[in-house]
C-alpha atoms as a PDB file:
ATOM      1  CA  MET A   1     -15.606 -20.063 -36.082  1.00  0.00           C
ATOM      2  CA  HIS A   2     -13.944 -22.628 -38.302  1.00  0.00           C
ATOM      3  CA  PHE A   3     -13.618 -22.410 -42.078  1.00  0.00           C
ATOM      4  CA  ASP A   4     -12.244 -25.056 -44.398  1.00  0.00           C
ATOM      5  CA  SER A   5     -10.624 -22.542 -46.766  1.00  0.00           C
ATOM      6  CA  LEU A   6      -9.787 -18.872 -47.227  1.00  0.00           C
ATOM      7  CA  ASN A   7     -12.453 -18.573 -49.917  1.00  0.00           C
ATOM      8  CA  SER A   8     -15.179 -19.901 -47.652  1.00  0.00           C
ATOM      9  CA  PHE A   9     -14.219 -17.294 -45.063  1.00  0.00           C
ATOM     10  CA  ILE A  10     -14.170 -14.457 -47.604  1.00  0.00           C
ATOM     11  CA  ASN A  11     -17.594 -15.481 -48.910  1.00  0.00           C
ATOM     12  CA  ASP A  12     -19.171 -15.570 -45.432  1.00  0.00           C
ATOM     13  CA  HIS A  13     -20.209 -11.944 -45.018  1.00  0.00           C
ATOM     14  CA  VAL A  14     -21.451 -12.551 -41.487  1.00  0.00           C
ATOM     15  CA  ALA A  15     -18.050 -13.806 -40.311  1.00  0.00           C
ATOM     16  CA  ILE A  16     -15.967 -10.996 -41.828  1.00  0.00           C
ATOM     17  CA  PRO A  17     -14.881  -8.602 -39.041  1.00  0.00           C
ATOM     18  CA  LYS A  18     -16.739  -5.311 -39.468  1.00  0.00           C
ATOM     19  CA  LYS A  19     -15.241  -3.226 -36.651  1.00  0.00           C
ATOM     20  CA  GLY A  20     -12.085  -3.227 -34.572  1.00  0.00           C
ATOM     21  CA  SER A  21      -8.539  -4.421 -35.143  1.00  0.00           C
ATOM     22  CA  VAL A  22      -7.636  -7.755 -36.737  1.00  0.00           C
ATOM     23  CA  ALA A  23      -4.616  -9.953 -35.991  1.00  0.00           C
ATOM     24  CA  VAL A  24      -3.637 -12.634 -38.509  1.00  0.00           C
ATOM     25  CA  VAL A  25      -1.450 -15.501 -37.253  1.00  0.00           C
ATOM     26  CA  LEU A  26       0.072 -17.973 -39.707  1.00  0.00           C
ATOM     27  CA  ALA A  27       0.923 -21.284 -37.998  1.00  0.00           C
ATOM     28  CA  GLU A  28       3.837 -22.889 -39.854  1.00  0.00           C
ATOM     29  CA  ASP A  29       4.147 -25.666 -37.271  1.00  0.00           C
ATOM     30  CA  ASP A  30       2.493 -26.583 -33.974  1.00  0.00           C
ATOM     31  CA  VAL A  31       5.024 -24.825 -31.708  1.00  0.00           C
ATOM     32  CA  GLU A  32       3.395 -22.410 -29.206  1.00  0.00           C
ATOM     33  CA  VAL A  33       0.346 -21.856 -31.396  1.00  0.00           C
ATOM     34  CA  ASP A  34      -2.062 -21.483 -28.464  1.00  0.00           C
ATOM     35  CA  THR A  35       0.371 -19.197 -26.625  1.00  0.00           C
ATOM     36  CA  THR A  36       0.732 -16.947 -29.665  1.00  0.00           C
ATOM     37  CA  LEU A  37      -3.013 -16.632 -30.171  1.00  0.00           C
ATOM     38  CA  ARG A  38      -3.683 -15.872 -26.492  1.00  0.00           C
ATOM     39  CA  HIS A  39      -0.898 -13.290 -26.396  1.00  0.00           C
ATOM     40  CA  HIS A  40      -2.486 -11.303 -29.201  1.00  0.00           C
ATOM     41  CA  GLN A  41      -5.958 -11.623 -27.741  1.00  0.00           C
ATOM     42  CA  GLN A  42      -4.628 -10.242 -24.467  1.00  0.00           C
ATOM     43  CA  ALA A  43      -2.802  -7.460 -26.330  1.00  0.00           C
ATOM     44  CA  GLY A  44      -6.219  -6.108 -27.259  1.00  0.00           C
ATOM     45  CA  PHE A  45      -6.894  -7.153 -30.853  1.00  0.00           C
ATOM     46  CA  THR A  46     -10.640  -7.294 -31.454  1.00  0.00           C
ATOM     47  CA  HIS A  47     -10.422 -10.272 -33.794  1.00  0.00           C
ATOM     48  CA  VAL A  48      -7.733 -12.957 -34.128  1.00  0.00           C
ATOM     49  CA  ILE A  49      -7.624 -15.048 -37.311  1.00  0.00           C
ATOM     50  CA  ALA A  50      -5.524 -18.235 -37.319  1.00  0.00           C
ATOM     51  CA  PHE A  51      -4.392 -19.739 -40.613  1.00  0.00           C
ATOM     52  CA  MET A  52      -3.276 -23.285 -39.895  1.00  0.00           C
ATOM     53  CA  PRO A  53      -3.227 -26.826 -41.291  1.00  0.00           C
ATOM     54  CA  SER A  54      -6.382 -28.804 -40.542  1.00  0.00           C
ATOM     55  CA  ARG A  55      -4.427 -31.421 -38.556  1.00  0.00           C
ATOM     56  CA  PHE A  56      -3.434 -28.887 -35.875  1.00  0.00           C
ATOM     57  CA  GLU A  57      -5.493 -28.791 -32.697  1.00  0.00           C
ATOM     58  CA  LEU A  58      -6.631 -25.717 -30.789  1.00  0.00           C
ATOM     59  CA  ALA A  59      -7.470 -25.408 -27.107  1.00  0.00           C
ATOM     60  CA  ARG A  60     -11.211 -25.267 -26.442  1.00  0.00           C
ATOM     61  CA  ASP A  61     -11.241 -21.610 -25.344  1.00  0.00           C
ATOM     62  CA  LEU A  62      -9.426 -20.578 -28.520  1.00  0.00           C
ATOM     63  CA  ALA A  63     -11.631 -22.698 -30.760  1.00  0.00           C
ATOM     64  CA  GLU A  64     -14.569 -20.671 -29.428  1.00  0.00           C
ATOM     65  CA  THR A  65     -12.977 -17.218 -29.725  1.00  0.00           C
ATOM     66  CA  VAL A  66     -10.600 -17.368 -32.715  1.00  0.00           C
ATOM     67  CA  ILE A  67     -11.528 -17.399 -36.401  1.00  0.00           C
ATOM     68  CA  ARG A  68      -9.770 -20.516 -37.663  1.00  0.00           C
ATOM     69  CA  ILE A  69      -9.085 -21.038 -41.364  1.00  0.00           C
ATOM     70  CA  ASP A  70      -7.700 -24.358 -42.630  1.00  0.00           C
ATOM     71  CA  PHE A  71      -4.739 -23.440 -44.801  1.00  0.00           C
ATOM     72  CA  ASP A  72      -1.601 -24.973 -46.254  1.00  0.00           C
ATOM     73  CA  THR A  73       1.018 -22.722 -44.672  1.00  0.00           C
ATOM     74  CA  SER A  74       3.886 -24.544 -46.420  1.00  0.00           C
ATOM     75  CA  LYS A  75       2.971 -23.276 -49.877  1.00  0.00           C
ATOM     76  CA  SER A  76       5.117 -20.628 -51.529  1.00  0.00           C
ATOM     77  CA  GLY A  77       3.635 -17.199 -50.870  1.00  0.00           C
ATOM     78  CA  ALA A  78       1.338 -18.508 -48.139  1.00  0.00           C
ATOM     79  CA  LEU A  79       1.707 -15.406 -45.957  1.00  0.00           C
ATOM     80  CA  GLN A  80       0.974 -12.999 -48.796  1.00  0.00           C
ATOM     81  CA  THR A  81      -2.041 -15.047 -49.900  1.00  0.00           C
ATOM     82  CA  ALA A  82      -3.485 -15.075 -46.382  1.00  0.00           C
ATOM     83  CA  VAL A  83      -2.834 -11.439 -45.526  1.00  0.00           C
ATOM     84  CA  ASN A  84      -3.897 -10.045 -48.893  1.00  0.00           C
ATOM     85  CA  GLY A  85      -7.020 -12.185 -48.772  1.00  0.00           C
ATOM     86  CA  VAL A  86      -8.025 -10.660 -45.444  1.00  0.00           C
ATOM     87  CA  ILE A  87      -7.108  -7.148 -46.648  1.00  0.00           C
ATOM     88  CA  GLY A  88      -9.556  -7.540 -49.489  1.00  0.00           C
ATOM     89  CA  ALA A  89     -12.296  -8.933 -47.252  1.00  0.00           C
ATOM     90  CA  VAL A  90     -12.382  -6.543 -44.283  1.00  0.00           C
ATOM     91  CA  PRO A  91     -13.669  -2.956 -44.566  1.00  0.00           C
ATOM     92  CA  PRO A  92     -11.218  -0.262 -45.742  1.00  0.00           C
ATOM     93  CA  GLY A  93      -9.646   1.539 -42.796  1.00  0.00           C
ATOM     94  CA  THR A  94      -9.350  -1.619 -40.649  1.00  0.00           C
ATOM     95  CA  TRP A  95      -6.164  -1.847 -38.603  1.00  0.00           C
ATOM     96  CA  MET A  96      -4.503  -5.199 -39.299  1.00  0.00           C
ATOM     97  CA  TYR A  97      -1.508  -7.050 -37.912  1.00  0.00           C
ATOM     98  CA  TYR A  98       0.209 -10.242 -39.005  1.00  0.00           C
ATOM     99  CA  CYS A  99       2.805 -12.635 -37.592  1.00  0.00           C
ATOM    100  CA  TYR A 100       3.755 -16.319 -37.449  1.00  0.00           C
ATOM    101  CA  ASN A 101       3.345 -18.716 -34.543  1.00  0.00           C
ATOM    102  CA  ALA A 102       5.910 -18.378 -31.735  1.00  0.00           C
ATOM    103  CA  GLU A 103       6.022 -14.620 -32.390  1.00  0.00           C
ATOM    104  CA  PHE A 104       4.807 -12.066 -29.862  1.00  0.00           C
ATOM    105  CA  LEU A 105       4.014  -8.394 -30.433  1.00  0.00           C
ATOM    106  CA  PHE A 106       5.262  -5.854 -27.891  1.00  0.00           C
ATOM    107  CA  HIS A 107       4.569  -2.137 -28.155  1.00  0.00           C
ATOM    108  CA  PRO A 108       5.764   0.685 -25.890  1.00  0.00           C
ATOM    109  CA  PHE A 109       4.088   0.477 -22.469  1.00  0.00           C
ATOM    110  CA  CYS A 110       1.982  -2.505 -23.554  1.00  0.00           C
ATOM    111  CA  GLU A 111       1.674  -3.614 -19.924  1.00  0.00           C
ATOM    112  CA  THR A 112      -0.718  -0.748 -19.212  1.00  0.00           C
ATOM    113  CA  ARG A 113      -1.958   0.331 -22.658  1.00  0.00           C
ATOM    114  CA  SER A 114      -3.792  -1.822 -25.168  1.00  0.00           C
ATOM    115  CA  VAL A 115      -2.953  -2.159 -28.823  1.00  0.00           C
ATOM    116  CA  GLY A 116      -6.250  -0.435 -29.583  1.00  0.00           C
ATOM    117  CA  GLU A 117      -5.215   2.661 -27.650  1.00  0.00           C
ATOM    118  CA  MET A 118      -1.876   2.707 -29.455  1.00  0.00           C
ATOM    119  CA  LEU A 119      -3.462   2.385 -32.889  1.00  0.00           C
ATOM    120  CA  ALA A 120      -5.937   5.162 -32.088  1.00  0.00           C
ATOM    121  CA  PHE A 121      -3.009   7.412 -31.151  1.00  0.00           C
ATOM    122  CA  HIS A 122      -1.097   6.410 -34.277  1.00  0.00           C
ATOM    123  CA  THR A 123      -4.146   7.235 -36.403  1.00  0.00           C
ATOM    124  CA  GLU A 124      -4.329  10.713 -34.856  1.00  0.00           C
ATOM    125  CA  GLU A 125      -0.738  11.209 -36.025  1.00  0.00           C
ATOM    126  CA  ARG A 126      -1.997  10.583 -39.576  1.00  0.00           C
ATOM    127  CA  ARG A 127      -0.068   7.341 -39.908  1.00  0.00           C
ATOM    128  CA  ASN A 128      -1.534   4.355 -41.755  1.00  0.00           C
ATOM    129  CA  ALA A 129       1.224   1.856 -40.959  1.00  0.00           C
ATOM    130  CA  MET A 130       3.790   1.083 -38.263  1.00  0.00           C
ATOM    131  CA  LEU A 131       7.293  -0.307 -38.541  1.00  0.00           C
ATOM    132  CA  THR A 132       8.001  -3.367 -36.409  1.00  0.00           C
ATOM    133  CA  TYR A 133      11.395  -4.904 -35.714  1.00  0.00           C
ATOM    134  CA  VAL A 134      11.654  -8.688 -35.507  1.00  0.00           C
ATOM    135  CA  VAL A 135      13.748  -9.384 -32.414  1.00  0.00           C
ATOM    136  CA  ASP A 136      15.080 -12.927 -32.358  1.00  0.00           C
ATOM    137  CA  LEU A 137      14.451 -15.045 -29.275  1.00  0.00           C
ATOM    138  CA  TYR A 138      16.231 -18.324 -28.587  1.00  0.00           C
ATOM    139  CA  ALA A 139      16.593 -20.879 -25.806  1.00  0.00           C
ATOM    140  CA  ASP A 140      19.813 -20.746 -23.818  1.00  0.00           C
ATOM    141  CA  ASP A 141      20.457 -24.501 -24.011  1.00  0.00           C
ATOM    142  CA  LEU A 142      19.823 -26.283 -27.300  1.00  0.00           C
ATOM    143  CA  TRP A 143      20.373 -29.715 -25.760  1.00  0.00           C
ATOM    144  CA  ASP A 144      17.446 -29.187 -23.403  1.00  0.00           C
ATOM    145  CA  CYS A 145      15.438 -27.303 -26.036  1.00  0.00           C
ATOM    146  CA  PRO A 146      16.324 -28.891 -29.386  1.00  0.00           C
ATOM    147  CA  ASN A 147      13.868 -26.739 -31.358  1.00  0.00           C
ATOM    148  CA  ALA A 148      15.421 -23.593 -29.768  1.00  0.00           C
ATOM    149  CA  VAL A 149      12.093 -22.565 -28.197  1.00  0.00           C
ATOM    150  CA  SER A 150      11.642 -21.980 -24.474  1.00  0.00           C
ATOM    151  CA  LEU A 151       9.366 -19.330 -23.001  1.00  0.00           C
ATOM    152  CA  ASP A 152      11.000 -19.640 -19.571  1.00  0.00           C
ATOM    153  CA  ARG A 153      14.583 -19.568 -20.841  1.00  0.00           C
ATOM    154  CA  ALA A 154      14.267 -17.162 -23.760  1.00  0.00           C
ATOM    155  CA  HIS A 155      17.238 -14.932 -24.582  1.00  0.00           C
ATOM    156  CA  LEU A 156      17.815 -12.084 -27.030  1.00  0.00           C
ATOM    157  CA  ASP A 157      20.755 -10.099 -28.393  1.00  0.00           C
ATOM    158  CA  ARG A 158      21.498  -6.846 -26.583  1.00  0.00           C
ATOM    159  CA  SER A 159      23.466  -5.377 -29.506  1.00  0.00           C
ATOM    160  CA  GLY A 160      24.452  -5.991 -33.116  1.00  0.00           C
ATOM    161  CA  TYR A 161      21.563  -4.157 -34.774  1.00  0.00           C
ATOM    162  CA  TYR A 162      22.097  -1.681 -37.605  1.00  0.00           C
ATOM    163  CA  ALA A 163      20.397  -0.037 -40.568  1.00  0.00           C
ATOM    164  CA  LEU A 164      21.359   0.636 -44.187  1.00  0.00           C
ATOM    165  CA  ALA A 165      19.776   2.921 -46.748  1.00  0.00           C
ATOM    166  CA  ARG A 166      17.120   1.316 -48.925  1.00  0.00           C
ATOM    167  CA  SER A 167      17.796   2.089 -52.579  1.00  0.00           C
ATOM    168  CA  GLY A 168      15.081   2.804 -55.096  1.00  0.00           C
ATOM    169  CA  GLU A 169      14.943   1.764 -58.710  1.00  0.00           C
ATOM    170  CA  ASP A 170      16.949   4.871 -59.639  1.00  0.00           C
ATOM    171  CA  GLY A 171      19.766   3.867 -57.290  1.00  0.00           C
ATOM    172  CA  HIS A 172      19.111   6.706 -54.836  1.00  0.00           C
ATOM    173  CA  PRO A 173      18.046   6.106 -51.204  1.00  0.00           C
ATOM    174  CA  LYS A 174      14.313   6.046 -50.633  1.00  0.00           C
ATOM    175  CA  GLU A 175      12.922   8.742 -48.381  1.00  0.00           C
ATOM    176  CA  ARG A 176      12.359   7.643 -44.764  1.00  0.00           C
ATOM    177  CA  GLN A 177      13.002   3.985 -45.610  1.00  0.00           C
ATOM    178  CA  LEU A 178      15.810   1.840 -44.220  1.00  0.00           C
ATOM    179  CA  ASN A 179      16.712  -1.855 -44.196  1.00  0.00           C
ATOM    180  CA  PHE A 180      17.347  -3.098 -40.664  1.00  0.00           C
ATOM    181  CA  TYR A 181      19.595  -6.015 -39.732  1.00  0.00           C
ATOM    182  CA  GLY A 182      20.716  -7.857 -36.626  1.00  0.00           C
ATOM    183  CA  GLY A 183      20.014 -10.815 -34.392  1.00  0.00           C
ATOM    184  CA  LEU A 184      20.500 -14.394 -35.532  1.00  0.00           C
ATOM    185  CA  ARG A 185      20.079 -13.507 -39.212  1.00  0.00           C
ATOM    186  CA  TRP A 186      23.162 -11.305 -38.873  1.00  0.00           C
ATOM    187  CA  ARG A 187      25.264 -13.616 -36.680  1.00  0.00           C
ATOM    188  CA  PHE A 188      24.516 -16.680 -38.797  1.00  0.00           C
ATOM    189  CA  GLU A 189      24.132 -14.936 -42.137  1.00  0.00           C
ATOM    190  CA  GLU A 190      25.954 -17.705 -43.996  1.00  0.00           C
ATOM    191  CA  HIS A 191      22.871 -19.861 -43.404  1.00  0.00           C
ATOM    192  CA  VAL A 192      20.324 -17.183 -44.366  1.00  0.00           C
ATOM    193  CA  PRO A 193      19.610 -16.124 -47.976  1.00  0.00           C
ATOM    194  CA  GLU A 194      20.464 -12.481 -48.522  1.00  0.00           C
ATOM    195  CA  ALA A 195      16.875 -11.582 -49.347  1.00  0.00           C
ATOM    196  CA  ARG A 196      15.752 -12.933 -45.931  1.00  0.00           C
ATOM    197  CA  ARG A 197      18.264 -11.151 -43.686  1.00  0.00           C
ATOM    198  CA  LYS A 198      16.219  -8.026 -42.957  1.00  0.00           C
ATOM    199  CA  ILE A 199      14.468  -7.805 -39.598  1.00  0.00           C
ATOM    200  CA  ASP A 200      12.001  -5.028 -40.430  1.00  0.00           C
ATOM    201  CA  ARG A 201       8.357  -5.630 -41.204  1.00  0.00           C
ATOM    202  CA  ILE A 202       5.378  -3.380 -41.681  1.00  0.00           C
ATOM    203  CA  SER A 203       3.260  -5.634 -39.494  1.00  0.00           C
ATOM    204  CA  LEU A 204       0.672  -3.068 -38.386  1.00  0.00           C
ATOM    205  CA  PHE A 205      -1.228  -1.260 -41.115  1.00  0.00           C
ATOM    206  CA  LYS A 206      -4.579   0.147 -42.121  1.00  0.00           C
ATOM    207  CA  THR A 207      -6.363  -1.553 -45.008  1.00  0.00           C
ATOM    208  CA  LYS A 208      -7.398   0.249 -48.176  1.00  0.00           C
ATOM    209  CA  PRO A 209      -8.476  -0.791 -51.700  1.00  0.00           C
ATOM    210  CA  GLY A 210      -5.598  -2.060 -53.809  1.00  0.00           C
ATOM    211  CA  LEU A 211      -3.172  -2.488 -50.898  1.00  0.00           C
ATOM    212  CA  GLU A 212      -0.953  -5.577 -51.206  1.00  0.00           C
ATOM    213  CA  LEU A 213       1.695  -7.146 -49.004  1.00  0.00           C
ATOM    214  CA  ARG A 214       4.781  -8.197 -50.984  1.00  0.00           C
ATOM    215  CA  ASP A 215       7.121 -11.097 -50.268  1.00  0.00           C
ATOM    216  CA  ASP A 216       9.778  -8.849 -48.657  1.00  0.00           C
ATOM    217  CA  HIS A 217       7.341  -7.679 -45.936  1.00  0.00           C
ATOM    218  CA  THR A 218       6.772  -4.315 -47.613  1.00  0.00           C
ATOM    219  CA  PHE A 219       3.679  -2.916 -49.323  1.00  0.00           C
ATOM    220  CA  ASN A 220       2.971  -1.627 -52.802  1.00  0.00           C
ATOM    221  CA  ASP A 221       2.266   1.823 -51.272  1.00  0.00           C
ATOM    222  CA  GLN A 222       5.674   3.358 -50.530  1.00  0.00           C
ATOM    223  CA  GLU A 223       4.399   5.595 -47.727  1.00  0.00           C
ATOM    224  CA  TYR A 224       3.384   2.466 -45.815  1.00  0.00           C
ATOM    225  CA  ASN A 225       7.052   1.378 -45.867  1.00  0.00           C
ATOM    226  CA  THR A 226       8.395   4.480 -44.106  1.00  0.00           C
ATOM    227  CA  TYR A 227       9.583   4.357 -40.511  1.00  0.00           C
ATOM    228  CA  ALA A 228       8.262   7.811 -39.569  1.00  0.00           C
ATOM    229  CA  CYS A 229       6.369  10.780 -40.915  1.00  0.00           C
ATOM    230  CA  GLN A 230       8.111  13.894 -42.220  1.00  0.00           C
ATOM    231  CA  TRP A 231       7.781  16.043 -39.123  1.00  0.00           C
ATOM    232  CA  HIS A 232       8.778  13.865 -36.151  1.00  0.00           C
ATOM    233  CA  HIS A 233       9.574  10.352 -34.956  1.00  0.00           C
ATOM    234  CA  ASN A 234       6.685   7.916 -34.729  1.00  0.00           C
ATOM    235  CA  LEU A 235       5.966   4.851 -32.688  1.00  0.00           C
ATOM    236  CA  THR A 236       7.574   1.570 -33.600  1.00  0.00           C
ATOM    237  CA  SER A 237       6.950  -1.860 -32.091  1.00  0.00           C
ATOM    238  CA  ALA A 238       8.787  -5.153 -31.764  1.00  0.00           C
ATOM    239  CA  ILE A 239       7.860  -8.723 -32.663  1.00  0.00           C
ATOM    240  CA  CYS A 240       9.793 -11.052 -30.378  1.00  0.00           C
ATOM    241  CA  SER A 241      10.211 -14.164 -32.449  1.00  0.00           C
ATOM    242  CA  PHE A 242      11.522 -17.714 -32.128  1.00  0.00           C
ATOM    243  CA  ARG A 243      11.020 -18.248 -35.865  1.00  0.00           C
ATOM    244  CA  THR A 244      14.616 -17.763 -37.031  1.00  0.00           C
ATOM    245  CA  ALA A 245      16.042 -19.812 -34.159  1.00  0.00           C
ATOM    246  CA  LYS A 246      13.650 -22.658 -34.983  1.00  0.00           C
ATOM    247  CA  ALA A 247      14.587 -22.581 -38.641  1.00  0.00           C
ATOM    248  CA  LEU A 248      18.340 -22.482 -38.042  1.00  0.00           C
ATOM    249  CA  LYS A 249      18.225 -25.331 -35.568  1.00  0.00           C
ATOM    250  CA  LEU A 250      15.824 -27.576 -37.475  1.00  0.00           C
ATOM    251  CA  ASN A 251      17.286 -27.000 -40.942  1.00  0.00           C
ATOM    252  CA  PRO A 252      19.691 -29.858 -41.820  1.00  0.00           C
ATOM    253  CA  GLY A 253      21.999 -27.408 -43.544  1.00  0.00           C
ATOM    254  CA  SER A 254      22.660 -25.390 -40.386  1.00  0.00           C
ATOM    255  CA  THR A 255      21.743 -27.438 -37.323  1.00  0.00           C
ATOM    256  CA  TYR A 256      25.075 -29.263 -37.028  1.00  0.00           C
ATOM    257  CA  ASP A 257      27.015 -25.999 -37.269  1.00  0.00           C
ATOM    258  CA  ILE A 258      25.212 -24.472 -34.284  1.00  0.00           C
ATOM    259  CA  ASP A 259      25.816 -25.713 -30.737  1.00  0.00           C
ATOM    260  CA  THR A 260      24.380 -22.623 -29.045  1.00  0.00           C
ATOM    261  CA  PHE A 261      22.892 -19.267 -29.948  1.00  0.00           C
ATOM    262  CA  LYS A 262      24.307 -17.617 -26.842  1.00  0.00           C
ATOM    263  CA  TRP A 263      27.209 -15.182 -27.086  1.00  0.00           C
ATOM    264  CA  HIS A 264      28.688 -12.428 -24.931  1.00  0.00           C
ATOM    265  CA  ASN A 265      25.852 -10.041 -25.852  1.00  0.00           C
ATOM    266  CA  SER A 266      23.014 -12.416 -24.984  1.00  0.00           C
ATOM    267  CA  ALA A 267      20.594 -11.481 -22.195  1.00  0.00           C
ATOM    268  CA  PRO A 268      17.560 -13.215 -20.695  1.00  0.00           C
ATOM    269  CA  PHE A 269      14.360 -11.890 -22.215  1.00  0.00           C
ATOM    270  CA  GLU A 270      12.230 -10.250 -19.536  1.00  0.00           C
ATOM    271  CA  TRP A 271       8.908 -10.318 -21.458  1.00  0.00           C
ATOM    272  CA  HIS A 272       8.478  -6.609 -20.725  1.00  0.00           C
ATOM    273  CA  SER A 273       8.397  -3.573 -23.006  1.00  0.00           C
ATOM    274  CA  ARG A 274      10.837  -1.654 -20.790  1.00  0.00           C
ATOM    275  CA  GLN A 275      13.707  -3.957 -21.739  1.00  0.00           C
ATOM    276  CA  LEU A 276      13.001  -3.481 -25.449  1.00  0.00           C
ATOM    277  CA  LEU A 277      12.778   0.301 -25.036  1.00  0.00           C
ATOM    278  CA  ASP A 278      16.029   0.415 -23.055  1.00  0.00           C
ATOM    279  CA  LEU A 279      17.800  -1.582 -25.778  1.00  0.00           C
ATOM    280  CA  GLY A 280      16.456   0.723 -28.482  1.00  0.00           C
ATOM    281  CA  LEU A 281      14.512  -2.076 -30.137  1.00  0.00           C
ATOM    282  CA  MET A 282      11.383   0.050 -30.389  1.00  0.00           C
ATOM    283  CA  GLU A 283      10.651   3.766 -30.349  1.00  0.00           C
ATOM    284  CA  PRO A 284       7.932   5.461 -28.237  1.00  0.00           C
ATOM    285  CA  GLY A 285       7.831   8.579 -30.420  1.00  0.00           C
ATOM    286  CA  GLN A 286       5.273  10.994 -28.963  1.00  0.00           C
ATOM    287  CA  TRP A 287       3.485   8.128 -27.130  1.00  0.00           C
ATOM    288  CA  PHE A 288       3.643   9.062 -23.446  1.00  0.00           C
END
């Protein structure tokens, strides 16, 4: 289905997903859009919604299976507008996910277990949201891949990740909330605004009335922003993303300062959850 605006989608009660999980993909440019959409279909999301400029083209199979919404993704607050619009449209209790193009969700043991099975398990643990880490991917050779994107030659950082306490308005650390850092935003922090250096997102969550995504990838419900419940560790997932590499290499203020993203702790990305688990970039919790 194809809609010419977010409002036209919201007002079409037949098109609004009624059951199952929903993935929202915001296409900022035309890099790997089809690949991103197919990846999340194959992950097991019941519905995939693509917000993208009208000039972008979709493959025929995706045009028939994806809900496409024409949308200016360059506007300030575009992600929040899109996600919050869908939150308000779908039934309360719907599991939702969001990402940008050239970003790929991986969850523990995703090769044999669907995202639906994982979310059902997470629901049984009385969790309404899941922490996801954004793991930067980048091409190994920026001369051959000037936009820093290559699925065949993708690399990631094996180390350099850390967490700091997240302070509340009273200056004290918030309970079960941390700010996570690492990857290209850490190594090239001089080119990244301080407010954009975190790599944590609450990308998987259950909708409810009044819930809103904020511009720092957290929600207005503080429990949604926690990494685990009070009694044991919970599942986390990873979003393997070319987004930061693209931005650093295509931004005139940083591109000439960067000849390569590779360093001594780079490793080829294996496109498998086992590598991410071994590196500690996601947590299986009680998910066996």
